[in-house]
Amino acid sequence: MAREDAADEDEEDVQNRKHEFLNFRRQLDSMRSKQEGLESNADKLKSQGNQFFQLGLFSQASMMYSEALDLQPENTVLLNNRAMAYLKQGMSEEALADADRSLELDPSKENIKAFWRRAQALLDMGLHEKAEDAASAGIAVQANNTHLARVRRKAREAIALRRLCGVDWVGKMENGVEKRYSFSQEGEMAMTVVGHTLKAAFDLSVECTPQSMVVKMQPIAGSGSAPPPPVPYIYSFHDDDKELWICHPVGSADLPKKFEGPGFSRLKRVEQEKEEEAGDESQPLDVRCSRYMREFCEILPLLPPQLPETPSQEEVSQEMLLMERVTKLKKQFGREVHQRAMELAKGAAPCETEEVYALVTGLHDRLVARKVIAADCQVVGPAETAKAPDALNTNAPPAEKAQIQPKIEPGLLEIMAGLVRKLCCK
């Protein structure tokens, strides 16, 4: 017990020294930024990050922005820049966290990029209603922002497609004959009457009320005649999406304004029979997660390459190819698997087995080296063989373990700050 208490005290002392040294670095950087003719280290890191971003080296850019944020943690420009770099890497959750923090610091029109980053991250996560709300909140601050308008349109289109597709919409014609509509995510539409199916393409318009679509019929096979002209429809959902109202013009080409007249139909939702899918989705989540982490660690080296300020074309190509492989891997396994892996790497959940623990540790070390997660996040091993804190990061490079700064004695900060002021004023 005494040894454990001593170890806890040593760990607390180490953390205090790290905190003191970080505060000193921030004070020093603040002094440099206020001194005419001097550029702060944070600004230098931001410039390097911007250059990497322009080259398409988004992982390197996010690391530079992270280094700069260590010095200026409340810099909204840095948070927005890193959020964008994360979005480019498919790291939507991390981008959302940066955008949220940026908006906490400054929710004004001057920080409109944070609204955009937040809405885009939610859209990429498939949270379409939240993305629409986030984009609308930004548009309320700056009405003519085209980026936010595009995100809101995409969110609304995704919501409409989700509600339209994957089911059949069934109604009756005036003579009592059944008619059946189906829509696909690829913009294809089928209308079936008395066993005969007509194919069409449809384009949604989601920025009006009610929402509308233009239906373009395909030529009937073997008829030799041209297809009819496009037909505009208005549509709306009712009764918790169990009913679809659609209306097209009759004797006119104008878009209807109301759901009435001979072109109006009420269609009932009928679920389609789905075949059971086999494959990866049939495997337990943790099995898929282990495969994902294993392949992730095989692709990504433990330490990121230290690129020069102006990397060569070969270095740029290698880094972009690496990020492309990581992005493809994330898409292959899906968001649920990636989120589970991140949960384990951050220590939010324990590893079930030693094999999983080894995989998670490899993922954790790679993410820490790239400043995606904090260095103080510790992987939690199996409960029956809990590991000591020093054993949790066995793959970390020696330099990372040696970055414990000497304790700064009381008053030394003031002395060093005074010396820096004298040097800066020369």
Protein backbone atom coordinates (compact mmCIF):
# COMPACT_ATOMS: atom_id res chain seq x y z
CA MET A 1 0.00 0.00 0.00
CA ALA A 2 2.85 2.39 0.91
CA ARG A 3 4.51 1.73 -2.47
CA GLU A 4 1.25 2.43 -4.30
CA ASP A 5 0.81 5.71 -2.39
CA ALA A 6 4.37 6.71 -3.22
CA ALA A 7 3.83 5.86 -6.89
CA ASP A 8 0.66 7.98 -6.94
CA GLU A 9 2.54 10.89 -5.39
CA ASP A 10 5.35 10.56 -7.95
CA GLU A 11 2.83 10.50 -10.81
CA GLU A 12 1.09 13.59 -9.41
CA ASP A 13 4.44 15.35 -9.07
CA VAL A 14 5.30 14.53 -12.69
CA GLN A 15 1.96 15.87 -13.89
CA ASN A 16 2.42 19.07 -11.85
CA ARG A 17 5.85 19.64 -13.35
CA LYS A 18 4.52 19.08 -16.86
CA HIS A 19 1.72 21.54 -16.18
CA GLU A 20 4.12 24.17 -14.84
CA PHE A 21 6.40 23.82 -17.84
CA LEU A 22 3.49 24.05 -20.28
CA ASN A 23 2.30 27.24 -18.57
CA PHE A 24 5.80 28.68 -18.93
CA ARG A 25 5.87 27.85 -22.64
CA ARG A 26 2.50 29.54 -23.09
CA GLN A 27 3.65 32.67 -21.22
CA LEU A 28 6.81 32.82 -23.31
CA ASP A 29 4.87 32.42 -26.56
CA SER A 30 2.41 35.12 -25.51
CA MET A 31 5.29 37.51 -24.87
CA ARG A 32 6.76 36.78 -28.30
CA SER A 33 3.44 37.45 -30.03
CA LYS A 34 3.17 40.85 -28.36
CA GLN A 35 6.73 41.85 -29.23
CA GLU A 36 6.99 43.78 -32.49
CA GLY A 37 9.07 42.01 -35.10
CA LEU A 38 8.80 38.59 -33.44
CA GLU A 39 6.60 35.72 -34.55
CA SER A 40 5.18 33.42 -31.89
CA ASN A 41 5.95 29.73 -32.05
CA ALA A 42 2.22 29.06 -32.34
CA ASP A 43 2.07 31.21 -35.48
CA LYS A 44 5.05 29.40 -36.95
CA LEU A 45 3.40 26.04 -36.30
CA LYS A 46 0.14 27.29 -37.80
CA SER A 47 1.94 28.44 -40.94
CA GLN A 48 3.62 25.07 -41.27
CA GLY A 49 0.28 23.36 -40.74
CA ASN A 50 -1.31 25.51 -43.45
CA GLN A 51 1.47 24.60 -45.86
CA PHE A 52 1.04 20.88 -45.16
CA PHE A 53 -2.73 21.26 -45.61
CA GLN A 54 -2.29 22.90 -49.02
CA LEU A 55 -0.10 19.97 -50.05
CA GLY A 56 -2.81 17.53 -49.01
CA LEU A 57 -0.80 16.27 -46.01
CA PHE A 58 -3.74 16.49 -43.65
CA SER A 59 -2.32 14.24 -40.93
CA GLN A 60 0.86 16.30 -40.74
CA ALA A 61 -1.22 19.50 -40.77
CA SER A 62 -3.37 18.37 -37.84
CA MET A 63 -0.23 17.55 -35.83
CA MET A 64 1.14 21.05 -36.43
CA TYR A 65 -2.16 22.61 -35.36
CA SER A 66 -2.12 20.42 -32.24
CA GLU A 67 1.38 21.62 -31.37
CA ALA A 68 0.21 25.21 -31.80
CA LEU A 69 -2.89 24.58 -29.66
CA ASP A 70 -0.65 23.40 -26.84
CA LEU A 71 0.60 26.98 -26.74
CA GLN A 72 -2.68 28.74 -27.56
CA PRO A 73 -5.51 26.42 -26.47
CA GLU A 74 -8.20 29.09 -26.93
CA ASN A 75 -7.24 30.08 -30.47
CA THR A 76 -10.41 29.55 -32.54
CA VAL A 77 -8.54 29.79 -35.84
CA LEU A 78 -6.32 26.87 -34.83
CA LEU A 79 -9.32 24.87 -33.66
CA ASN A 80 -11.13 25.52 -36.94
CA ASN A 81 -8.05 24.64 -38.98
CA ARG A 82 -7.52 21.38 -37.13
CA ALA A 83 -11.22 20.55 -37.44
CA MET A 84 -10.94 20.92 -41.22
CA ALA A 85 -7.80 18.77 -41.30
CA TYR A 86 -9.66 16.13 -39.30
CA LEU A 87 -12.62 16.28 -41.70
CA LYS A 88 -10.26 15.64 -44.59
CA GLN A 89 -9.07 12.49 -42.80
CA GLY A 90 -12.59 11.23 -42.09
CA MET A 91 -12.18 11.96 -38.36
CA SER A 92 -15.63 13.46 -37.88
CA GLU A 93 -15.87 13.03 -34.10
CA GLU A 94 -12.58 14.84 -33.52
CA ALA A 95 -13.61 17.62 -35.93
CA LEU A 96 -16.92 18.02 -34.10
CA ALA A 97 -15.14 18.34 -30.74
CA ASP A 98 -12.89 21.11 -32.13
CA ALA A 99 -15.82 22.95 -33.72
CA ASP A 100 -17.85 22.76 -30.51
CA ARG A 101 -14.93 24.11 -28.49
CA SER A 102 -14.41 26.91 -31.00
CA LEU A 103 -18.08 27.92 -30.78
CA GLU A 104 -17.91 27.89 -26.99
CA LEU A 105 -15.12 30.46 -27.24
CA ASP A 106 -16.73 32.58 -29.97
CA PRO A 107 -20.28 32.01 -31.29
CA SER A 108 -20.26 35.23 -33.35
CA LYS A 109 -20.37 35.86 -37.08
CA GLU A 110 -16.59 36.32 -37.10
CA ASN A 111 -16.27 32.62 -36.24
CA ILE A 112 -18.65 31.39 -38.95
CA LYS A 113 -16.17 28.68 -40.01
CA ALA A 114 -16.82 26.88 -36.73
CA PHE A 115 -20.54 26.65 -37.60
CA TRP A 116 -19.60 25.17 -40.97
CA ARG A 117 -17.14 22.66 -39.49
CA ARG A 118 -19.74 21.55 -36.94
CA ALA A 119 -22.49 21.07 -39.52
CA GLN A 120 -20.16 19.19 -41.89
CA ALA A 121 -18.93 16.88 -39.14
CA LEU A 122 -22.49 16.00 -38.15
CA LEU A 123 -23.37 15.40 -41.80
CA ASP A 124 -20.38 13.07 -42.23
CA MET A 125 -21.44 11.19 -39.09
CA GLY A 126 -24.85 10.54 -40.63
CA LEU A 127 -26.64 12.70 -38.03
CA HIS A 128 -28.64 14.47 -40.71
CA GLU A 129 -31.24 16.19 -38.53
CA LYS A 130 -28.53 17.58 -36.26
CA ALA A 131 -26.50 18.64 -39.31
CA GLU A 132 -29.51 20.49 -40.70
CA ASP A 133 -30.05 22.25 -37.35
CA ALA A 134 -26.36 23.16 -37.09
CA ALA A 135 -26.31 24.55 -40.64
CA SER A 136 -29.51 26.52 -39.99
CA ALA A 137 -27.97 27.97 -36.82
CA GLY A 138 -25.00 29.16 -38.87
CA ILE A 139 -27.23 30.57 -41.62
CA ALA A 140 -29.11 32.52 -38.95
CA VAL A 141 -25.78 34.18 -38.12
CA GLN A 142 -24.70 34.69 -41.75
CA ALA A 143 -27.57 34.27 -44.19
CA ASN A 144 -25.58 34.19 -47.43
CA ASN A 145 -23.02 31.56 -46.44
CA THR A 146 -22.86 29.16 -49.39
CA HIS A 147 -20.93 26.47 -47.49
CA LEU A 148 -23.60 26.19 -44.81
CA ALA A 149 -26.38 26.31 -47.42
CA ARG A 150 -24.77 23.36 -49.24
CA VAL A 151 -24.45 21.33 -46.04
CA ARG A 152 -28.07 22.02 -45.12
CA ARG A 153 -29.25 21.01 -48.60
CA LYS A 154 -27.29 17.75 -48.44
CA ALA A 155 -28.67 17.03 -44.97
CA ARG A 156 -32.23 17.64 -46.11
CA GLU A 157 -31.72 15.49 -49.20
CA ALA A 158 -30.37 12.66 -47.06
CA ILE A 159 -33.35 12.93 -44.69
CA ALA A 160 -35.82 12.91 -47.59
CA LEU A 161 -34.13 9.92 -49.24
CA ARG A 162 -34.07 8.00 -45.98
CA ARG A 163 -37.81 8.55 -45.59
CA LEU A 164 -38.63 7.79 -49.23
CA CYS A 165 -36.41 4.80 -49.94
CA GLY A 166 -36.34 1.18 -48.89
CA VAL A 167 -40.13 0.77 -48.82
CA ASP A 168 -43.03 0.62 -51.26
CA TRP A 169 -45.68 3.34 -51.37
CA VAL A 170 -49.05 1.87 -52.32
CA GLY A 171 -52.27 3.60 -53.33
CA LYS A 172 -55.19 3.22 -55.73
CA MET A 173 -56.05 4.85 -59.00
CA GLU A 174 -59.50 6.36 -59.59
CA ASN A 175 -60.71 3.06 -61.06
CA GLY A 176 -59.59 1.17 -57.96
CA VAL A 177 -56.50 -0.42 -59.55
CA GLU A 178 -53.49 -0.58 -57.23
CA LYS A 179 -50.44 1.55 -58.03
CA ARG A 180 -47.11 1.13 -56.32
CA TYR A 181 -44.15 3.50 -56.14
CA SER A 182 -40.58 2.76 -55.01
CA PHE A 183 -37.55 5.05 -54.76
CA SER A 184 -33.83 4.29 -54.51
CA GLN A 185 -30.90 6.18 -53.00
CA GLU A 186 -29.42 6.41 -56.51
CA GLY A 187 -32.29 8.64 -57.70
CA GLU A 188 -34.24 5.93 -59.48
CA MET A 189 -38.01 5.56 -59.25
CA ALA A 190 -40.34 2.74 -60.31
CA MET A 191 -44.13 2.91 -60.77
CA THR A 192 -45.94 -0.41 -61.00
CA VAL A 193 -49.54 -0.81 -62.21
CA VAL A 194 -51.17 -4.19 -62.99
CA GLY A 195 -47.81 -5.92 -63.02
CA HIS A 196 -46.23 -3.44 -65.44
CA THR A 197 -43.35 -1.31 -64.17
CA LEU A 198 -42.28 2.05 -65.57
CA LYS A 199 -38.79 3.28 -64.69
CA ALA A 200 -37.90 6.92 -64.09
CA ALA A 201 -35.25 9.14 -62.55
CA PHE A 202 -36.05 11.75 -59.94
CA ASP A 203 -34.31 14.88 -58.67
CA LEU A 204 -35.22 16.32 -55.28
CA SER A 205 -35.61 19.99 -54.40
CA VAL A 206 -35.55 20.32 -50.61
CA GLU A 207 -35.26 24.06 -50.08
CA CYS A 208 -38.95 24.79 -50.66
CA THR A 209 -42.15 24.05 -48.71
CA PRO A 210 -43.60 21.66 -49.61
CA GLN A 211 -40.58 19.87 -50.99
CA SER A 212 -40.68 18.83 -54.62
CA MET A 213 -39.14 16.49 -57.17
CA VAL A 214 -38.88 16.32 -60.94
CA VAL A 215 -39.61 12.89 -62.42
CA LYS A 216 -38.07 12.01 -65.79
CA MET A 217 -39.58 8.92 -67.39
CA GLN A 218 -37.38 6.48 -69.29
CA PRO A 219 -38.34 5.29 -72.78
CA ILE A 220 -40.57 2.23 -72.83
CA ALA A 221 -38.60 -0.71 -74.21
CA GLY A 222 -39.66 -1.67 -77.73
CA SER A 223 -42.04 1.27 -78.15
CA GLY A 224 -39.72 3.28 -80.37
CA SER A 225 -41.21 6.48 -78.99
CA ALA A 226 -39.55 9.28 -77.05
CA PRO A 227 -40.23 9.49 -73.30
CA PRO A 228 -42.77 12.03 -72.04
CA PRO A 229 -41.47 15.39 -70.75
CA PRO A 230 -40.37 15.67 -67.09
CA VAL A 231 -43.18 16.00 -64.57
CA PRO A 232 -42.90 18.10 -61.37
CA TYR A 233 -44.31 16.68 -58.12
CA ILE A 234 -44.77 18.08 -54.64
CA TYR A 235 -44.62 15.65 -51.75
CA SER A 236 -44.92 15.51 -47.96
CA PHE A 237 -44.93 12.86 -45.24
CA HIS A 238 -47.74 12.29 -42.74
CA ASP A 239 -48.71 10.02 -39.85
CA ASP A 240 -45.11 9.43 -38.71
CA ASP A 241 -43.99 8.67 -42.28
CA LYS A 242 -46.63 5.98 -42.71
CA GLU A 243 -48.29 8.01 -45.44
CA LEU A 244 -46.84 9.88 -48.43
CA TRP A 245 -48.76 12.61 -50.19
CA ILE A 246 -47.73 13.35 -53.77
CA CYS A 247 -49.29 15.60 -56.35
CA HIS A 248 -48.47 16.28 -60.01
CA PRO A 249 -50.09 18.72 -62.43
CA VAL A 250 -52.82 17.60 -64.83
CA GLY A 251 -53.26 19.58 -68.06
CA SER A 252 -50.32 21.81 -67.07
CA ALA A 253 -46.56 21.73 -66.61
CA ASP A 254 -46.57 24.01 -63.56
CA LEU A 255 -45.57 22.79 -60.12
CA PRO A 256 -48.67 22.31 -57.94
CA LYS A 257 -49.00 24.51 -54.87
CA LYS A 258 -51.52 22.42 -52.95
CA PHE A 259 -52.29 18.73 -52.46
CA GLU A 260 -55.55 18.61 -54.37
CA GLY A 261 -57.06 17.80 -57.77
CA PRO A 262 -56.83 14.71 -60.00
CA GLY A 263 -53.02 14.52 -59.67
CA PHE A 264 -53.15 14.10 -55.86
CA SER A 265 -52.49 10.67 -54.33
CA ARG A 266 -52.25 9.38 -50.76
CA LEU A 267 -49.87 6.43 -50.58
CA LYS A 268 -49.44 4.01 -47.68
CA ARG A 269 -46.05 2.76 -46.57
CA VAL A 270 -45.46 -0.99 -47.09
CA GLU A 271 -42.21 -2.58 -45.91
CA GLN A 272 -40.21 -4.47 -48.50
CA GLU A 273 -39.01 -7.99 -47.83
CA LYS A 274 -35.28 -7.89 -47.16
CA GLU A 275 -32.81 -10.69 -47.62
CA GLU A 276 -30.57 -11.35 -44.68
CA GLU A 277 -27.08 -10.09 -45.31
CA ALA A 278 -24.10 -12.25 -44.49
CA GLY A 279 -20.50 -11.24 -44.13
CA ASP A 280 -18.72 -8.89 -41.77
CA GLU A 281 -21.91 -7.48 -40.27
CA SER A 282 -22.78 -10.95 -38.99
CA GLN A 283 -19.63 -11.03 -36.85
CA PRO A 284 -19.58 -9.61 -33.30
CA LEU A 285 -18.51 -5.98 -33.01
CA ASP A 286 -15.34 -6.73 -31.03
CA VAL A 287 -14.21 -9.31 -33.61
CA ARG A 288 -14.54 -6.72 -36.39
CA CYS A 289 -12.88 -4.14 -34.14
CA SER A 290 -9.85 -6.40 -33.56
CA ARG A 291 -9.45 -6.92 -37.31
CA TYR A 292 -9.73 -3.17 -37.86
CA MET A 293 -7.08 -2.32 -35.25
CA ARG A 294 -4.72 -5.00 -36.57
CA GLU A 295 -4.94 -3.68 -40.14
CA PHE A 296 -4.75 -0.08 -38.93
CA CYS A 297 -1.47 -0.75 -37.11
CA GLU A 298 -0.09 -2.62 -40.13
CA ILE A 299 -0.80 0.36 -42.36
CA LEU A 300 0.28 3.19 -40.07
CA PRO A 301 3.85 3.29 -38.70
CA LEU A 302 4.26 3.80 -34.96
CA LEU A 303 5.79 7.25 -35.40
CA PRO A 304 4.79 9.79 -38.05
CA PRO A 305 7.55 10.84 -40.46
CA GLN A 306 9.31 14.08 -39.61
CA LEU A 307 8.78 15.96 -42.85
CA PRO A 308 10.91 18.99 -43.69
CA GLU A 309 9.30 22.41 -44.01
CA THR A 310 9.15 21.92 -47.78
CA PRO A 311 8.73 18.17 -48.39
CA SER A 312 9.66 16.56 -51.68
CA GLN A 313 7.06 15.34 -54.14
CA GLU A 314 7.94 11.75 -53.22
CA GLU A 315 7.38 12.47 -49.51
CA VAL A 316 4.05 14.14 -50.29
CA SER A 317 2.94 11.19 -52.43
CA GLN A 318 3.90 8.63 -49.79
CA GLU A 319 2.04 10.48 -47.05
CA MET A 320 -1.08 10.95 -49.19
CA LEU A 321 -1.05 7.27 -50.16
CA LEU A 322 -0.81 6.33 -46.49
CA MET A 323 -3.78 8.54 -45.55
CA GLU A 324 -5.76 7.17 -48.48
CA ARG A 325 -5.26 3.63 -47.19
CA VAL A 326 -6.33 4.62 -43.67
CA THR A 327 -9.44 6.41 -44.97
CA LYS A 328 -10.37 3.40 -47.12
CA LEU A 329 -9.96 1.12 -44.10
CA LYS A 330 -12.32 3.29 -42.01
CA LYS A 331 -14.96 3.19 -44.73
CA GLN A 332 -14.56 -0.56 -45.14
CA PHE A 333 -15.19 -1.34 -41.47
CA GLY A 334 -17.70 1.45 -40.81
CA ARG A 335 -18.23 4.12 -38.19
CA GLU A 336 -19.41 1.77 -35.42
CA VAL A 337 -16.18 -0.24 -35.53
CA HIS A 338 -14.02 2.89 -35.63
CA GLN A 339 -15.84 4.43 -32.66
CA ARG A 340 -15.39 1.24 -30.65
CA ALA A 341 -11.66 1.22 -31.42
CA MET A 342 -11.35 4.87 -30.33
CA GLU A 343 -13.26 4.10 -27.13
CA LEU A 344 -10.77 1.35 -26.27
CA ALA A 345 -7.74 3.48 -27.23
CA LYS A 346 -8.89 6.31 -24.96
CA GLY A 347 -9.36 3.95 -22.03
CA ALA A 348 -13.12 4.50 -21.90
CA ALA A 349 -13.68 0.72 -21.85
CA PRO A 350 -11.51 -2.22 -20.71
CA CYS A 351 -9.96 -4.74 -23.08
CA GLU A 352 -11.48 -8.19 -22.77
CA THR A 353 -8.34 -10.22 -23.53
CA GLU A 354 -4.56 -9.85 -23.64
CA GLU A 355 -4.68 -10.12 -27.44
CA VAL A 356 -7.11 -7.23 -27.68
CA TYR A 357 -5.03 -5.29 -25.14
CA ALA A 358 -1.95 -5.60 -27.37
CA LEU A 359 -3.89 -4.39 -30.42
CA VAL A 360 -5.40 -1.46 -28.53
CA THR A 361 -2.01 -0.46 -27.15
CA GLY A 362 -0.59 -0.34 -30.68
CA LEU A 363 -3.50 1.84 -31.83
CA HIS A 364 -3.20 4.05 -28.73
CA ASP A 365 0.52 4.68 -29.28
CA ARG A 366 -0.01 5.68 -32.90
CA LEU A 367 -2.81 8.09 -32.02
CA VAL A 368 -0.81 9.65 -29.17
CA ALA A 369 2.22 10.11 -31.44
CA ARG A 370 -0.03 12.04 -33.85
CA LYS A 371 -1.70 14.02 -31.04
CA VAL A 372 -5.14 12.65 -31.93
CA ILE A 373 -5.67 11.62 -28.31
CA ALA A 374 -4.02 12.95 -25.16
CA ALA A 375 -0.87 11.26 -23.88
CA ASP A 376 -2.44 10.78 -20.43
CA CYS A 377 -5.17 8.51 -21.84
CA GLN A 378 -4.33 5.02 -20.63
CA VAL A 379 -5.45 1.73 -22.12
CA VAL A 380 -7.37 -0.40 -19.62
CA GLY A 381 -6.22 -4.03 -19.60
CA PRO A 382 -8.25 -7.10 -18.66
CA ALA A 383 -9.59 -6.83 -15.11
CA GLU A 384 -7.94 -10.04 -13.93
CA THR A 385 -4.48 -8.94 -15.13
CA ALA A 386 -4.59 -5.17 -14.65
CA LYS A 387 -1.30 -3.63 -15.61
CA ALA A 388 0.69 -1.00 -13.75
CA PRO A 389 0.65 2.50 -15.27
CA ASP A 390 4.25 2.26 -16.49
CA ALA A 391 3.44 -0.88 -18.50
CA LEU A 392 0.53 0.59 -20.39
CA ASN A 393 2.62 2.27 -23.07
CA THR A 394 5.35 -0.25 -23.77
CA ASN A 395 5.62 0.62 -27.46
CA ALA A 396 6.14 4.33 -26.88
CA PRO A 397 9.45 5.70 -28.17
CA PRO A 398 12.12 6.42 -25.54
CA ALA A 399 11.99 10.14 -26.33
CA GLU A 400 8.31 10.26 -25.45
CA LYS A 401 8.93 8.63 -22.07
CA ALA A 402 11.83 10.97 -21.38
CA GLN A 403 9.88 14.18 -21.84
CA ILE A 404 9.54 14.78 -18.09
CA GLN A 405 10.67 18.32 -17.50
CA PRO A 406 12.72 19.36 -14.48
CA LYS A 407 10.78 20.98 -11.68
CA ILE A 408 10.67 24.77 -11.92
CA GLU A 409 11.43 26.33 -8.56
CA PRO A 410 9.20 29.15 -7.19
CA GLY A 411 10.16 32.50 -8.68
CA LEU A 412 12.09 30.97 -11.58
CA LEU A 413 9.27 31.71 -14.01
CA GLU A 414 9.47 35.41 -13.17
CA ILE A 415 13.26 35.46 -13.53
CA MET A 416 13.17 33.67 -16.89
CA ALA A 417 10.35 35.89 -18.13
CA GLY A 418 12.34 38.98 -17.22
CA LEU A 419 15.36 37.65 -19.06
CA VAL A 420 13.27 36.97 -22.13
CA ARG A 421 11.87 40.51 -22.05
CA LYS A 422 15.41 41.92 -22.03
CA LEU A 423 16.47 39.70 -24.89
CA CYS A 424 13.36 40.54 -26.94
CA CYS A 425 13.80 44.27 -26.47
CA LYS A 426 17.36 44.35 -27.82
